[in-house]
Amino acid sequence: MNRFAVRGGLAGAVTVLGGCGLAGAWKVVSISPDEAADRAPFHTVTFDEAGTYTDEHTDEEGTRRSTGQYTWTGLELGVTPKDGTTRRYSAHLRLDGRLALRRQDEHGKIAVVLERQEEGQPDG
């Protein structure tokens, strides 16, 4: 088998995985660098089938909730908070099922990994 056929097969697999969509609950499992945590787009987020998301973040100040719209191409995640501007992330579903997001802006680079939460799974 030549390498182009293998690449085509892998691209097809990525497309199929991307087609699965993001609908469901996800929780951040890592943010890099650590000091970028306040710039993470999500903490505990739920994406619905209609392109809307709801995120919750709890810290010493309490629980904050944000909502907005998202677009997902399988390679890019666009996030538009209800009261903000769209931010775009390079994104892909990894083979381990986690969602990896990367972005560079005026504050530097950020990488975030989210893990899909099973229904009934504690936030832990």
PDB file of N, CA and C in Angstrom:
ATOM      1  N   MET A   1       0.853  -1.171   0.000  1.00  0.00           N
ATOM      2  CA  MET A   1       0.000   0.000   0.000  1.00  0.00           C
ATOM      3  C   MET A   1       0.900   1.235   0.000  1.00  0.00           C
ATOM      4  N   ASN A   2       0.590   2.187  -0.849  1.00  0.00           N
ATOM      5  CA  ASN A   2       1.452   3.365  -0.883  1.00  0.00           C
ATOM      6  C   ASN A   2       1.060   4.357   0.214  1.00  0.00           C
ATOM      7  N   ARG A   3       1.976   5.292   0.503  1.00  0.00           N
ATOM      8  CA  ARG A   3       1.752   6.211   1.618  1.00  0.00           C
ATOM      9  C   ARG A   3       0.581   7.159   1.380  1.00  0.00           C
ATOM     10  N   PHE A   4       0.239   7.432   0.110  1.00  0.00           N
ATOM     11  CA  PHE A   4      -0.896   8.323  -0.168  1.00  0.00           C
ATOM     12  C   PHE A   4      -2.211   7.642   0.191  1.00  0.00           C
ATOM     13  N   ALA A   5      -2.297   6.354  -0.046  1.00  0.00           N
ATOM     14  CA  ALA A   5      -3.498   5.618   0.326  1.00  0.00           C
ATOM     15  C   ALA A   5      -3.657   5.590   1.844  1.00  0.00           C
ATOM     16  N   VAL A   6      -2.532   5.427   2.551  1.00  0.00           N
ATOM     17  CA  VAL A   6      -2.585   5.429   4.006  1.00  0.00           C
ATOM     18  C   VAL A   6      -3.026   6.793   4.516  1.00  0.00           C
ATOM     19  N   ARG A   7      -2.435   7.848   3.968  1.00  0.00           N
ATOM     20  CA  ARG A   7      -2.832   9.202   4.385  1.00  0.00           C
ATOM     21  C   ARG A   7      -4.305   9.450   4.089  1.00  0.00           C
ATOM     22  N   GLY A   8      -4.762   9.024   2.935  1.00  0.00           N
ATOM     23  CA  GLY A   8      -6.171   9.195   2.590  1.00  0.00           C
ATOM     24  C   GLY A   8      -7.066   8.461   3.561  1.00  0.00           C
ATOM     25  N   GLY A   9      -6.652   7.251   3.946  1.00  0.00           N
ATOM     26  CA  GLY A   9      -7.418   6.474   4.910  1.00  0.00           C
ATOM     27  C   GLY A   9      -7.466   7.154   6.266  1.00  0.00           C
ATOM     28  N   LEU A  10      -6.328   7.707   6.693  1.00  0.00           N
ATOM     29  CA  LEU A  10      -6.293   8.416   7.968  1.00  0.00           C
ATOM     30  C   LEU A  10      -7.145   9.671   7.914  1.00  0.00           C
ATOM     31  N   ALA A  11      -7.084  10.389   6.805  1.00  0.00           N
ATOM     32  CA  ALA A  11      -7.905  11.592   6.666  1.00  0.00           C
ATOM     33  C   ALA A  11      -9.383  11.225   6.731  1.00  0.00           C
ATOM     34  N   GLY A  12      -9.745  10.119   6.105  1.00  0.00           N
ATOM     35  CA  GLY A  12     -11.129   9.659   6.160  1.00  0.00           C
ATOM     36  C   GLY A  12     -11.545   9.301   7.573  1.00  0.00           C
ATOM     37  N   ALA A  13     -10.633   8.673   8.321  1.00  0.00           N
ATOM     38  CA  ALA A  13     -10.935   8.314   9.709  1.00  0.00           C
ATOM     39  C   ALA A  13     -11.134   9.559  10.549  1.00  0.00           C
ATOM     40  N   VAL A  14     -10.305  10.578  10.324  1.00  0.00           N
ATOM     41  CA  VAL A  14     -10.446  11.825  11.063  1.00  0.00           C
ATOM     42  C   VAL A  14     -11.776  12.484  10.725  1.00  0.00           C
ATOM     43  N   THR A  15     -12.150  12.461   9.465  1.00  0.00           N
ATOM     44  CA  THR A  15     -13.413  13.039   9.049  1.00  0.00           C
ATOM     45  C   THR A  15     -14.579  12.319   9.722  1.00  0.00           C
ATOM     46  N   VAL A  16     -14.520  10.997   9.772  1.00  0.00           N
ATOM     47  CA  VAL A  16     -15.586  10.230  10.411  1.00  0.00           C
ATOM     48  C   VAL A  16     -15.661  10.566  11.889  1.00  0.00           C
ATOM     49  N   LEU A  17     -14.488  10.636  12.570  1.00  0.00           N
ATOM     50  CA  LEU A  17     -14.494  10.998  13.984  1.00  0.00           C
ATOM     51  C   LEU A  17     -15.067  12.394  14.173  1.00  0.00           C
ATOM     52  N   GLY A  18     -14.656  13.319  13.311  1.00  0.00           N
ATOM     53  CA  GLY A  18     -15.163  14.682  13.400  1.00  0.00           C
ATOM     54  C   GLY A  18     -16.659  14.734  13.197  1.00  0.00           C
ATOM     55  N   GLY A  19     -17.174  13.853  12.356  1.00  0.00           N
ATOM     56  CA  GLY A  19     -18.596  13.811  12.080  1.00  0.00           C
ATOM     57  C   GLY A  19     -19.418  13.360  13.275  1.00  0.00           C
ATOM     58  N   CYS A  20     -18.750  12.759  14.270  1.00  0.00           N
ATOM     59  CA  CYS A  20     -19.459  12.323  15.468  1.00  0.00           C
ATOM     60  C   CYS A  20     -20.005  13.498  16.246  1.00  0.00           C
ATOM     61  N   GLY A  21     -19.419  14.653  16.080  1.00  0.00           N
ATOM     62  CA  GLY A  21     -19.888  15.849  16.747  1.00  0.00           C
ATOM     63  C   GLY A  21     -19.399  15.961  18.175  1.00  0.00           C
ATOM     64  N   LEU A  22     -19.708  17.095  18.742  1.00  0.00           N
ATOM     65  CA  LEU A  22     -19.265  17.391  20.101  1.00  0.00           C
ATOM     66  C   LEU A  22     -20.384  17.297  21.112  1.00  0.00           C
ATOM     67  N   ALA A  23     -21.608  17.049  20.664  1.00  0.00           N
ATOM     68  CA  ALA A  23     -22.750  17.064  21.576  1.00  0.00           C
ATOM     69  C   ALA A  23     -22.485  16.212  22.804  1.00  0.00           C
ATOM     70  N   GLY A  24     -22.761  16.812  23.965  1.00  0.00           N
ATOM     71  CA  GLY A  24     -22.564  16.119  25.224  1.00  0.00           C
ATOM     72  C   GLY A  24     -21.767  16.976  26.194  1.00  0.00           C
ATOM     73  N   ALA A  25     -21.458  16.384  27.341  1.00  0.00           N
ATOM     74  CA  ALA A  25     -20.741  17.090  28.398  1.00  0.00           C
ATOM     75  C   ALA A  25     -19.248  16.772  28.337  1.00  0.00           C
ATOM     76  N   TRP A  26     -18.419  17.804  28.544  1.00  0.00           N
ATOM     77  CA  TRP A  26     -16.960  17.700  28.510  1.00  0.00           C
ATOM     78  C   TRP A  26     -16.390  18.435  29.717  1.00  0.00           C
ATOM     79  N   LYS A  27     -15.250  17.956  30.194  1.00  0.00           N
ATOM     80  CA  LYS A  27     -14.580  18.602  31.321  1.00  0.00           C
ATOM     81  C   LYS A  27     -13.102  18.760  31.000  1.00  0.00           C
ATOM     82  N   VAL A  28     -12.545  19.927  31.332  1.00  0.00           N
ATOM     83  CA  VAL A  28     -11.122  20.184  31.105  1.00  0.00           C
ATOM     84  C   VAL A  28     -10.296  19.251  31.986  1.00  0.00           C
ATOM     85  N   VAL A  29      -9.295  18.591  31.368  1.00  0.00           N
ATOM     86  CA  VAL A  29      -8.377  17.743  32.132  1.00  0.00           C
ATOM     87  C   VAL A  29      -6.960  18.311  32.140  1.00  0.00           C
ATOM     88  N   SER A  30      -6.660  19.237  31.211  1.00  0.00           N
ATOM     89  CA  SER A  30      -5.349  19.893  31.262  1.00  0.00           C
ATOM     90  C   SER A  30      -5.384  21.213  30.505  1.00  0.00           C
ATOM     91  N   ILE A  31      -4.578  22.138  31.008  1.00  0.00           N
ATOM     92  CA  ILE A  31      -4.393  23.445  30.379  1.00  0.00           C
ATOM     93  C   ILE A  31      -2.894  23.728  30.388  1.00  0.00           C
ATOM     94  N   SER A  32      -2.388  24.149  29.251  1.00  0.00           N
ATOM     95  CA  SER A  32      -0.967  24.457  29.161  1.00  0.00           C
ATOM     96  C   SER A  32      -0.785  25.772  28.427  1.00  0.00           C
ATOM     97  N   PRO A  33       0.056  26.646  28.925  1.00  0.00           N
ATOM     98  CA  PRO A  33       0.770  26.576  30.197  1.00  0.00           C
ATOM     99  C   PRO A  33      -0.182  26.796  31.369  1.00  0.00           C
ATOM    100  N   ASP A  34       0.257  26.418  32.567  1.00  0.00           N
ATOM    101  CA  ASP A  34      -0.588  26.530  33.761  1.00  0.00           C
ATOM    102  C   ASP A  34      -1.124  27.940  33.966  1.00  0.00           C
ATOM    103  N   GLU A  35      -0.287  28.946  33.693  1.00  0.00           N
ATOM    104  CA  GLU A  35      -0.702  30.333  33.930  1.00  0.00           C
ATOM    105  C   GLU A  35      -1.768  30.813  32.938  1.00  0.00           C
ATOM    106  N   ALA A  36      -2.109  29.985  31.963  1.00  0.00           N
ATOM    107  CA  ALA A  36      -3.147  30.349  30.987  1.00  0.00           C
ATOM    108  C   ALA A  36      -4.533  29.878  31.421  1.00  0.00           C
ATOM    109  N   ALA A  37      -4.649  29.317  32.611  1.00  0.00           N
ATOM    110  CA  ALA A  37      -5.927  28.754  33.061  1.00  0.00           C
ATOM    111  C   ALA A  37      -7.073  29.755  33.000  1.00  0.00           C
ATOM    112  N   ASP A  38      -6.782  31.028  33.278  1.00  0.00           N
ATOM    113  CA  ASP A  38      -7.848  32.027  33.249  1.00  0.00           C
ATOM    114  C   ASP A  38      -8.301  32.359  31.831  1.00  0.00           C
ATOM    115  N   ARG A  39      -7.551  31.897  30.817  1.00  0.00           N
ATOM    116  CA  ARG A  39      -7.931  32.126  29.421  1.00  0.00           C
ATOM    117  C   ARG A  39      -8.569  30.900  28.769  1.00  0.00           C
ATOM    118  N   ALA A  40      -8.747  29.836  29.541  1.00  0.00           N
ATOM    119  CA  ALA A  40      -9.348  28.621  28.981  1.00  0.00           C
ATOM    120  C   ALA A  40     -10.766  28.925  28.513  1.00  0.00           C
ATOM    121  N   PRO A  41     -11.138  28.424  27.328  1.00  0.00           N
ATOM    122  CA  PRO A  41     -12.467  28.731  26.810  1.00  0.00           C
ATOM    123  C   PRO A  41     -13.590  28.048  27.584  1.00  0.00           C
ATOM    124  N   PHE A  42     -13.258  26.920  28.214  1.00  0.00           N
ATOM    125  CA  PHE A  42     -14.265  26.134  28.918  1.00  0.00           C
ATOM    126  C   PHE A  42     -13.676  25.565  30.197  1.00  0.00           C
ATOM    127  N   HIS A  43     -14.573  25.075  31.052  1.00  0.00           N
ATOM    128  CA  HIS A  43     -14.175  24.371  32.259  1.00  0.00           C
ATOM    129  C   HIS A  43     -14.963  23.063  32.323  1.00  0.00           C
ATOM    130  N   THR A  44     -16.266  23.169  32.514  1.00  0.00           N
ATOM    131  CA  THR A  44     -17.174  22.026  32.398  1.00  0.00           C
ATOM    132  C   THR A  44     -18.254  22.476  31.428  1.00  0.00           C
ATOM    133  N   VAL A  45     -18.196  21.980  30.206  1.00  0.00           N
ATOM    134  CA  VAL A  45     -19.038  22.510  29.130  1.00  0.00           C
ATOM    135  C   VAL A  45     -19.953  21.427  28.568  1.00  0.00           C
ATOM    136  N   THR A  46     -21.138  21.861  28.162  1.00  0.00           N
ATOM    137  CA  THR A  46     -22.062  20.979  27.459  1.00  0.00           C
ATOM    138  C   THR A  46     -22.377  21.606  26.110  1.00  0.00           C
ATOM    139  N   PHE A  47     -22.119  20.835  25.049  1.00  0.00           N
ATOM    140  CA  PHE A  47     -22.451  21.254  23.684  1.00  0.00           C
ATOM    141  C   PHE A  47     -23.742  20.563  23.299  1.00  0.00           C
ATOM    142  N   ASP A  48     -24.696  21.306  22.725  1.00  0.00           N
ATOM    143  CA  ASP A  48     -25.911  20.644  22.247  1.00  0.00           C
ATOM    144  C   ASP A  48     -25.854  20.485  20.729  1.00  0.00           C
ATOM    145  N   GLU A  49     -26.781  19.754  20.191  1.00  0.00           N
ATOM    146  CA  GLU A  49     -26.815  19.464  18.753  1.00  0.00           C
ATOM    147  C   GLU A  49     -27.107  20.707  17.914  1.00  0.00           C
ATOM    148  N   ALA A  50     -27.720  21.724  18.518  1.00  0.00           N
ATOM    149  CA  ALA A  50     -28.140  22.921  17.784  1.00  0.00           C
ATOM    150  C   ALA A  50     -27.033  23.968  17.662  1.00  0.00           C
ATOM    151  N   GLY A  51     -25.839  23.686  18.222  1.00  0.00           N
ATOM    152  CA  GLY A  51     -24.741  24.641  18.111  1.00  0.00           C
ATOM    153  C   GLY A  51     -24.658  25.633  19.259  1.00  0.00           C
ATOM    154  N   THR A  52     -25.254  25.288  20.396  1.00  0.00           N
ATOM    155  CA  THR A  52     -25.204  26.127  21.587  1.00  0.00           C
ATOM    156  C   THR A  52     -24.391  25.408  22.657  1.00  0.00           C
ATOM    157  N   TYR A  53     -23.655  26.179  23.453  1.00  0.00           N
ATOM    158  CA  TYR A  53     -22.924  25.581  24.562  1.00  0.00           C
ATOM    159  C   TYR A  53     -23.270  26.294  25.861  1.00  0.00           C
ATOM    160  N   THR A  54     -23.085  25.585  26.972  1.00  0.00           N
ATOM    161  CA  THR A  54     -23.210  26.139  28.318  1.00  0.00           C
ATOM    162  C   THR A  54     -21.995  25.667  29.095  1.00  0.00           C
ATOM    163  N   ASP A  55     -21.294  26.609  29.715  1.00  0.00           N
ATOM    164  CA  ASP A  55     -20.099  26.295  30.481  1.00  0.00           C
ATOM    165  C   ASP A  55     -20.290  26.732  31.926  1.00  0.00           C
ATOM    166  N   GLU A  56     -19.783  25.929  32.859  1.00  0.00           N
ATOM    167  CA  GLU A  56     -19.809  26.288  34.271  1.00  0.00           C
ATOM    168  C   GLU A  56     -18.404  26.222  34.824  1.00  0.00           C
ATOM    169  N   HIS A  57     -18.083  27.211  35.652  1.00  0.00           N
ATOM    170  CA  HIS A  57     -16.775  27.262  36.290  1.00  0.00           C
ATOM    171  C   HIS A  57     -16.975  27.637  37.745  1.00  0.00           C
ATOM    172  N   THR A  58     -16.467  26.789  38.642  1.00  0.00           N
ATOM    173  CA  THR A  58     -16.578  27.045  40.065  1.00  0.00           C
ATOM    174  C   THR A  58     -15.190  27.276  40.643  1.00  0.00           C
ATOM    175  N   ASP A  59     -15.051  28.359  41.375  1.00  0.00           N
ATOM    176  CA  ASP A  59     -13.804  28.650  42.074  1.00  0.00           C
ATOM    177  C   ASP A  59     -14.152  29.299  43.414  1.00  0.00           C
ATOM    178  N   GLU A  60     -13.165  29.891  44.070  1.00  0.00           N
ATOM    179  CA  GLU A  60     -13.407  30.485  45.392  1.00  0.00           C
ATOM    180  C   GLU A  60     -14.417  31.624  45.354  1.00  0.00           C
ATOM    181  N   GLU A  61     -14.679  32.194  44.189  1.00  0.00           N
ATOM    182  CA  GLU A  61     -15.655  33.275  44.060  1.00  0.00           C
ATOM    183  C   GLU A  61     -17.069  32.768  43.803  1.00  0.00           C
ATOM    184  N   GLY A  62     -17.216  31.469  43.603  1.00  0.00           N
ATOM    185  CA  GLY A  62     -18.527  30.896  43.343  1.00  0.00           C
ATOM    186  C   GLY A  62     -18.593  30.241  41.974  1.00  0.00           C
ATOM    187  N   THR A  63     -19.804  29.995  41.517  1.00  0.00           N
ATOM    188  CA  THR A  63     -20.013  29.348  40.223  1.00  0.00           C
ATOM    189  C   THR A  63     -20.464  30.379  39.200  1.00  0.00           C
ATOM    190  N   ARG A  64     -19.777  30.384  38.076  1.00  0.00           N
ATOM    191  CA  ARG A  64     -20.146  31.266  36.965  1.00  0.00           C
ATOM    192  C   ARG A  64     -20.602  30.399  35.804  1.00  0.00           C
ATOM    193  N   ARG A  65     -21.606  30.875  35.116  1.00  0.00           N
ATOM    194  CA  ARG A  65     -22.150  30.154  33.967  1.00  0.00           C
ATOM    195  C   ARG A  65     -22.094  31.068  32.759  1.00  0.00           C
ATOM    196  N   SER A  66     -21.645  30.522  31.631  1.00  0.00           N
ATOM    197  CA  SER A  66     -21.658  31.292  30.387  1.00  0.00           C
ATOM    198  C   SER A  66     -22.278  30.442  29.287  1.00  0.00           C
ATOM    199  N   THR A  67     -22.868  31.114  28.324  1.00  0.00           N
ATOM    200  CA  THR A  67     -23.505  30.429  27.206  1.00  0.00           C
ATOM    201  C   THR A  67     -23.094  31.120  25.913  1.00  0.00           C
ATOM    202  N   GLY A  68     -23.303  30.424  24.827  1.00  0.00           N
ATOM    203  CA  GLY A  68     -23.006  30.994  23.528  1.00  0.00           C
ATOM    204  C   GLY A  68     -23.226  29.991  22.421  1.00  0.00           C
ATOM    205  N   GLN A  69     -22.691  30.308  21.263  1.00  0.00           N
ATOM    206  CA  GLN A  69     -22.810  29.459  20.077  1.00  0.00           C
ATOM    207  C   GLN A  69     -21.446  28.865  19.745  1.00  0.00           C
ATOM    208  N   TYR A  70     -21.451  27.712  19.087  1.00  0.00           N
ATOM    209  CA  TYR A  70     -20.205  27.129  18.625  1.00  0.00           C
ATOM    210  C   TYR A  70     -20.384  26.556  17.226  1.00  0.00           C
ATOM    211  N   THR A  71     -19.275  26.483  16.507  1.00  0.00           N
ATOM    212  CA  THR A  71     -19.241  25.773  15.230  1.00  0.00           C
ATOM    213  C   THR A  71     -18.090  24.785  15.298  1.00  0.00           C
ATOM    214  N   TRP A  72     -18.276  23.639  14.674  1.00  0.00           N
ATOM    215  CA  TRP A  72     -17.294  22.551  14.734  1.00  0.00           C
ATOM    216  C   TRP A  72     -17.125  21.974  13.344  1.00  0.00           C
ATOM    217  N   THR A  73     -15.900  22.013  12.833  1.00  0.00           N
ATOM    218  CA  THR A  73     -15.635  21.465  11.501  1.00  0.00           C
ATOM    219  C   THR A  73     -14.911  20.128  11.554  1.00  0.00           C
ATOM    220  N   GLY A  74     -14.481  19.723  12.739  1.00  0.00           N
ATOM    221  CA  GLY A  74     -13.644  18.539  12.864  1.00  0.00           C
ATOM    222  C   GLY A  74     -12.175  18.914  12.949  1.00  0.00           C
ATOM    223  N   LEU A  75     -11.844  20.121  12.513  1.00  0.00           N
ATOM    224  CA  LEU A  75     -10.473  20.629  12.599  1.00  0.00           C
ATOM    225  C   LEU A  75     -10.406  21.990  13.291  1.00  0.00           C
ATOM    226  N   GLU A  76     -11.566  22.630  13.428  1.00  0.00           N
ATOM    227  CA  GLU A  76     -11.612  23.951  14.056  1.00  0.00           C
ATOM    228  C   GLU A  76     -12.882  24.070  14.882  1.00  0.00           C
ATOM    229  N   LEU A  77     -12.726  24.684  16.063  1.00  0.00           N
ATOM    230  CA  LEU A  77     -13.861  24.984  16.924  1.00  0.00           C
ATOM    231  C   LEU A  77     -13.965  26.498  17.028  1.00  0.00           C
ATOM    232  N   GLY A  78     -15.100  27.029  16.609  1.00  0.00           N
ATOM    233  CA  GLY A  78     -15.379  28.453  16.753  1.00  0.00           C
ATOM    234  C   GLY A  78     -16.298  28.647  17.943  1.00  0.00           C
ATOM    235  N   VAL A  79     -15.946  29.550  18.839  1.00  0.00           N
ATOM    236  CA  VAL A  79     -16.705  29.784  20.060  1.00  0.00           C
ATOM    237  C   VAL A  79     -17.122  31.249  20.104  1.00  0.00           C
ATOM    238  N   THR A  80     -18.425  31.489  20.216  1.00  0.00           N
ATOM    239  CA  THR A  80     -18.937  32.854  20.311  1.00  0.00           C
ATOM    240  C   THR A  80     -19.757  32.985  21.586  1.00  0.00           C
ATOM    241  N   PRO A  81     -19.156  33.547  22.647  1.00  0.00           N
ATOM    242  CA  PRO A  81     -19.925  33.762  23.876  1.00  0.00           C
ATOM    243  C   PRO A  81     -21.105  34.692  23.602  1.00  0.00           C
ATOM    244  N   LYS A  82     -22.141  34.559  24.385  1.00  0.00           N
ATOM    245  CA  LYS A  82     -23.356  35.352  24.186  1.00  0.00           C
ATOM    246  C   LYS A  82     -23.058  36.847  24.117  1.00  0.00           C
ATOM    247  N   ASP A  83     -22.100  37.299  24.916  1.00  0.00           N
ATOM    248  CA  ASP A  83     -21.789  38.724  24.955  1.00  0.00           C
ATOM    249  C   ASP A  83     -20.357  39.015  24.496  1.00  0.00           C
ATOM    250  N   GLY A  84     -19.863  38.228  23.530  1.00  0.00           N
ATOM    251  CA  GLY A  84     -18.472  38.408  23.119  1.00  0.00           C
ATOM    252  C   GLY A  84     -18.249  38.202  21.636  1.00  0.00           C
ATOM    253  N   THR A  85     -16.990  38.135  21.264  1.00  0.00           N
ATOM    254  CA  THR A  85     -16.620  37.926  19.871  1.00  0.00           C
ATOM    255  C   THR A  85     -16.145  36.490  19.671  1.00  0.00           C
ATOM    256  N   THR A  86     -16.193  36.041  18.443  1.00  0.00           N
ATOM    257  CA  THR A  86     -15.819  34.673  18.118  1.00  0.00           C
ATOM    258  C   THR A  86     -14.320  34.467  18.276  1.00  0.00           C
ATOM    259  N   ARG A  87     -13.972  33.370  18.925  1.00  0.00           N
ATOM    260  CA  ARG A  87     -12.583  32.913  19.021  1.00  0.00           C
ATOM    261  C   ARG A  87     -12.505  31.564  18.328  1.00  0.00           C
ATOM    262  N   ARG A  88     -11.458  31.362  17.560  1.00  0.00           N
ATOM    263  CA  ARG A  88     -11.292  30.109  16.824  1.00  0.00           C
ATOM    264  C   ARG A  88     -10.116  29.329  17.385  1.00  0.00           C
ATOM    265  N   TYR A  89     -10.322  28.028  17.529  1.00  0.00           N
ATOM    266  CA  TYR A  89      -9.307  27.125  18.063  1.00  0.00           C
ATOM    267  C   TYR A  89      -9.019  26.032  17.046  1.00  0.00           C
ATOM    268  N   SER A  90      -7.761  25.727  16.858  1.00  0.00           N
ATOM    269  CA  SER A  90      -7.392  24.521  16.143  1.00  0.00           C
ATOM    270  C   SER A  90      -7.855  23.381  17.046  1.00  0.00           C
ATOM    271  N   ALA A  91      -8.580  22.435  16.505  1.00  0.00           N
ATOM    272  CA  ALA A  91      -9.196  21.423  17.362  1.00  0.00           C
ATOM    273  C   ALA A  91      -9.230  20.067  16.677  1.00  0.00           C
ATOM    274  N   HIS A  92      -9.076  19.024  17.484  1.00  0.00           N
ATOM    275  CA  HIS A  92      -9.252  17.673  16.941  1.00  0.00           C
ATOM    276  C   HIS A  92      -9.601  16.701  18.059  1.00  0.00           C
ATOM    277  N   LEU A  93     -10.341  15.682  17.674  1.00  0.00           N
ATOM    278  CA  LEU A  93     -10.637  14.589  18.588  1.00  0.00           C
ATOM    279  C   LEU A  93      -9.472  13.606  18.507  1.00  0.00           C
ATOM    280  N   ARG A  94      -8.838  13.382  19.635  1.00  0.00           N
ATOM    281  CA  ARG A  94      -7.693  12.480  19.679  1.00  0.00           C
ATOM    282  C   ARG A  94      -8.167  11.032  19.654  1.00  0.00           C
ATOM    283  N   LEU A  95      -7.244  10.126  19.386  1.00  0.00           N
ATOM    284  CA  LEU A  95      -7.594   8.709  19.349  1.00  0.00           C
ATOM    285  C   LEU A  95      -8.081   8.200  20.706  1.00  0.00           C
ATOM    286  N   ASP A  96      -7.680   8.854  21.799  1.00  0.00           N
ATOM    287  CA  ASP A  96      -8.158   8.457  23.125  1.00  0.00           C
ATOM    288  C   ASP A  96      -9.532   9.049  23.453  1.00  0.00           C
ATOM    289  N   GLY A  97     -10.141   9.744  22.470  1.00  0.00           N
ATOM    290  CA  GLY A  97     -11.479  10.298  22.649  1.00  0.00           C
ATOM    291  C   GLY A  97     -11.512  11.687  23.250  1.00  0.00           C
ATOM    292  N   ARG A  98     -10.353  12.206  23.641  1.00  0.00           N
ATOM    293  CA  ARG A  98     -10.303  13.552  24.209  1.00  0.00           C
ATOM    294  C   ARG A  98     -10.283  14.600  23.108  1.00  0.00           C
ATOM    295  N   LEU A  99     -10.745  15.787  23.459  1.00  0.00           N
ATOM    296  CA  LEU A  99     -10.781  16.916  22.532  1.00  0.00           C
ATOM    297  C   LEU A  99      -9.616  17.843  22.849  1.00  0.00           C
ATOM    298  N   ALA A 100      -8.756  18.080  21.867  1.00  0.00           N
ATOM    299  CA  ALA A 100      -7.593  18.952  22.047  1.00  0.00           C
ATOM    300  C   ALA A 100      -7.842  20.272  21.322  1.00  0.00           C
ATOM    301  N   LEU A 101      -7.649  21.377  22.029  1.00  0.00           N
ATOM    302  CA  LEU A 101      -7.827  22.727  21.486  1.00  0.00           C
ATOM    303  C   LEU A 101      -6.513  23.487  21.595  1.00  0.00           C
ATOM    304  N   ARG A 102      -6.183  24.254  20.564  1.00  0.00           N
ATOM    305  CA  ARG A 102      -4.985  25.103  20.591  1.00  0.00           C
ATOM    306  C   ARG A 102      -5.335  26.449  19.988  1.00  0.00           C
ATOM    307  N   ARG A 103      -4.702  27.498  20.552  1.00  0.00           N
ATOM    308  CA  ARG A 103      -4.926  28.844  20.045  1.00  0.00           C
ATOM    309  C   ARG A 103      -3.738  29.711  20.436  1.00  0.00           C
ATOM    310  N   GLN A 104      -3.426  30.662  19.574  1.00  0.00           N
ATOM    311  CA  GLN A 104      -2.453  31.682  19.921  1.00  0.00           C
ATOM    312  C   GLN A 104      -3.107  33.034  19.713  1.00  0.00           C
ATOM    313  N   ASP A 105      -2.986  33.899  20.725  1.00  0.00           N
ATOM    314  CA  ASP A 105      -3.529  35.243  20.629  1.00  0.00           C
ATOM    315  C   ASP A 105      -2.511  36.222  21.197  1.00  0.00           C
ATOM    316  N   GLU A 106      -2.949  37.438  21.462  1.00  0.00           N
ATOM    317  CA  GLU A 106      -2.020  38.469  21.950  1.00  0.00           C
ATOM    318  C   GLU A 106      -1.419  38.130  23.308  1.00  0.00           C
ATOM    319  N   HIS A 107      -2.003  37.161  24.028  1.00  0.00           N
ATOM    320  CA  HIS A 107      -1.505  36.767  25.340  1.00  0.00           C
ATOM    321  C   HIS A 107      -0.567  35.574  25.269  1.00  0.00           C
ATOM    322  N   GLY A 108      -0.427  34.963  24.093  1.00  0.00           N
ATOM    323  CA  GLY A 108       0.435  33.795  23.933  1.00  0.00           C
ATOM    324  C   GLY A 108      -0.351  32.559  23.535  1.00  0.00           C
ATOM    325  N   LYS A 109       0.319  31.425  23.613  1.00  0.00           N
ATOM    326  CA  LYS A 109      -0.288  30.150  23.227  1.00  0.00           C
ATOM    327  C   LYS A 109      -1.041  29.543  24.400  1.00  0.00           C
ATOM    328  N   ILE A 110      -2.075  28.780  24.058  1.00  0.00           N
ATOM    329  CA  ILE A 110      -2.809  28.005  25.059  1.00  0.00           C
ATOM    330  C   ILE A 110      -3.202  26.677  24.425  1.00  0.00           C
ATOM    331  N   ALA A 111      -3.090  25.616  25.202  1.00  0.00           N
ATOM    332  CA  ALA A 111      -3.532  24.286  24.786  1.00  0.00           C
ATOM    333  C   ALA A 111      -4.438  23.741  25.888  1.00  0.00           C
ATOM    334  N   VAL A 112      -5.598  23.264  25.489  1.00  0.00           N
ATOM    335  CA  VAL A 112      -6.582  22.748  26.435  1.00  0.00           C
ATOM    336  C   VAL A 112      -7.017  21.369  25.970  1.00  0.00           C
ATOM    337  N   VAL A 113      -7.111  20.434  26.904  1.00  0.00           N
ATOM    338  CA  VAL A 113      -7.606  19.096  26.594  1.00  0.00           C
ATOM    339  C   VAL A 113      -8.847  18.858  27.443  1.00  0.00           C
ATOM    340  N   LEU A 114      -9.912  18.406  26.773  1.00  0.00           N
ATOM    341  CA  LEU A 114     -11.170  18.104  27.451  1.00  0.00           C
ATOM    342  C   LEU A 114     -11.484  16.630  27.293  1.00  0.00           C
ATOM    343  N   GLU A 115     -12.164  16.085  28.287  1.00  0.00           N
ATOM    344  CA  GLU A 115     -12.563  14.683  28.267  1.00  0.00           C
ATOM    345  C   GLU A 115     -14.081  14.605  28.313  1.00  0.00           C
ATOM    346  N   ARG A 116     -14.642  13.775  27.444  1.00  0.00           N
ATOM    347  CA  ARG A 116     -16.103  13.605  27.421  1.00  0.00           C
ATOM    348  C   ARG A 116     -16.551  12.943  28.718  1.00  0.00           C
ATOM    349  N   GLN A 117     -17.608  13.474  29.303  1.00  0.00           N
ATOM    350  CA  GLN A 117     -18.155  12.938  30.544  1.00  0.00           C
ATOM    351  C   GLN A 117     -19.286  11.974  30.211  1.00  0.00           C
ATOM    352  N   GLU A 118     -19.219  10.817  30.800  1.00  0.00           N
ATOM    353  CA  GLU A 118     -20.286   9.840  30.609  1.00  0.00           C
ATOM    354  C   GLU A 118     -21.514  10.313  31.359  1.00  0.00           C
ATOM    355  N   GLU A 119     -22.674   9.967  30.839  1.00  0.00           N
ATOM    356  CA  GLU A 119     -23.911  10.354  31.507  1.00  0.00           C
ATOM    357  C   GLU A 119     -23.920   9.753  32.914  1.00  0.00           C
ATOM    358  N   GLY A 120     -24.201  10.606  33.883  1.00  0.00           N
ATOM    359  CA  GLY A 120     -24.227  10.154  35.278  1.00  0.00           C
ATOM    360  C   GLY A 120     -22.866  10.132  35.943  1.00  0.00           C
ATOM    361  N   GLN A 121     -21.798  10.465  35.196  1.00  0.00           N
ATOM    362  CA  GLN A 121     -20.441  10.471  35.749  1.00  0.00           C
ATOM    363  C   GLN A 121     -20.276  11.704  36.629  1.00  0.00           C
ATOM    364  N   PRO A 122     -19.731  11.532  37.836  1.00  0.00           N
ATOM    365  CA  PRO A 122     -19.532  12.706  38.694  1.00  0.00           C
ATOM    366  C   PRO A 122     -18.479  13.626  38.112  1.00  0.00           C
ATOM    367  N   ASP A 123     -18.593  14.923  38.429  1.00  0.00           N
ATOM    368  CA  ASP A 123     -17.634  15.919  37.950  1.00  0.00           C
ATOM    369  C   ASP A 123     -16.293  15.788  38.641  1.00  0.00           C
ATOM    370  N   GLY A 124     -16.217  15.079  39.723  1.00  0.00           N
ATOM    371  CA  GLY A 124     -15.085  14.703  40.436  1.00  0.00           C
ATOM    372  C   GLY A 124     -13.989  15.464  40.797  1.00  0.00           C
TER     373      GLY A 124
END
